[in-house]
Amino acid sequence: MNDFRENSYRLGRRPVKQGPRPLLIGTWNVQTLWAAGKLELLRNEMKRFRYDVIGISEVRWTGKGKTPHADFIWSGEETVHMRGVGFLLSAQAKKALIGYNPISSRIISVRLSTEVITKTDKKDIIILTGDWNAKIGSENADWKSVMEYAQQYKDSCRRVKKSARQDKEHWINDQCEQAEKGLNIGNTREAYSLLKTLRSEFVPRLNGIRDQRGTMLQAKDDIKQRWTQYCSSLYKDSGGRDAMVKELEDITPPGNEESQDILNSEVQTAIRALKRNKSPGSDGITAEMLQAGGEQLARQIHNLCNKA
């Protein structure tokens, strides 16, 4: 009975040992990601599918790098929003990322560890993906349904872009109204914080660095080694240490001079320079309290400082 329970399986099905799951790779020409909310729409759309790596074409972003979530890597033009390629990575693919190389606005390579994704043996397999679309001639008889779907897709993209622009305008108007209310009631901190948010622009984080020859490094081990070399060069003694110590001794004033008293004007200047809206220390005295004390409080503080 115990053996039956341990080796039991559903009636009508033979027990099959499951192998490693396949590596799921796809491609998508998104037309453009250079619009408000386009990347988030891409993420939400891909939640309906199982995937590991999606090759994205026509990204139209400038520069190269990866997003703060590290799920999207891209390579584009330096100044113009044209062309551009990238990769959308799943959670497992992010963990398996070894490095990537943004070559140009048409070519980008990424290296993954298949041991993390598919639990297979360690080996290198080159997979080439891209937007391989081509059409010769002007005959469209067999492409009528495809062209209709393409037109519907373009119409949907225009509606999404229009809706995204309207939502952005509504959000900006709401932020401006809140900032104006803050200024009217004297809450300048919140008002300036909202204005700073409105003026800020998206700045992609670049994790790659260049070596001494100017070559871009993307692999984690190469980046660590480069940082080690750079920090070691900062603390390397190039000679002349004794001469530097002697120069410091010559310019150091003697320690037998009588200490000078602190001036009352220096105390008043220090009190005026204190920043407001800051948490007090262990004594519970805020900068506003010191500044409200006036000249009389400054004189008492000046006497205490000279007694110390």
Foldseek 3Di string as FASTA:
>chain_A
DVVCVVPPDDPPDDDDDDAFDDAFEEEDEPLELPAPCSVVVVVVVCVVDDHAKYKYKLHQDAAWAAAPVRQKTKAEHHPGSGIIIIMGGDPQQSVQWQWKDRDHSADIGTDGAVCSVGVDDGDDDDDDDDDPDDDDDDDCPVVPVVVVVVVVVVVVVVVVRVVSVVVVVVVLVVLQVVLVVCVVVVNNVSNVVSVVVVPDDDDGDHPWDAAPVRDTDIGPVVSVVRVVVVVCVVPDDPDPPVVVVVVVVVPDDDPPDDDDADDLVVLLVVLVPDDPPDADDPVRDGSVNQNVVPSVSSVVVSVVRRVD
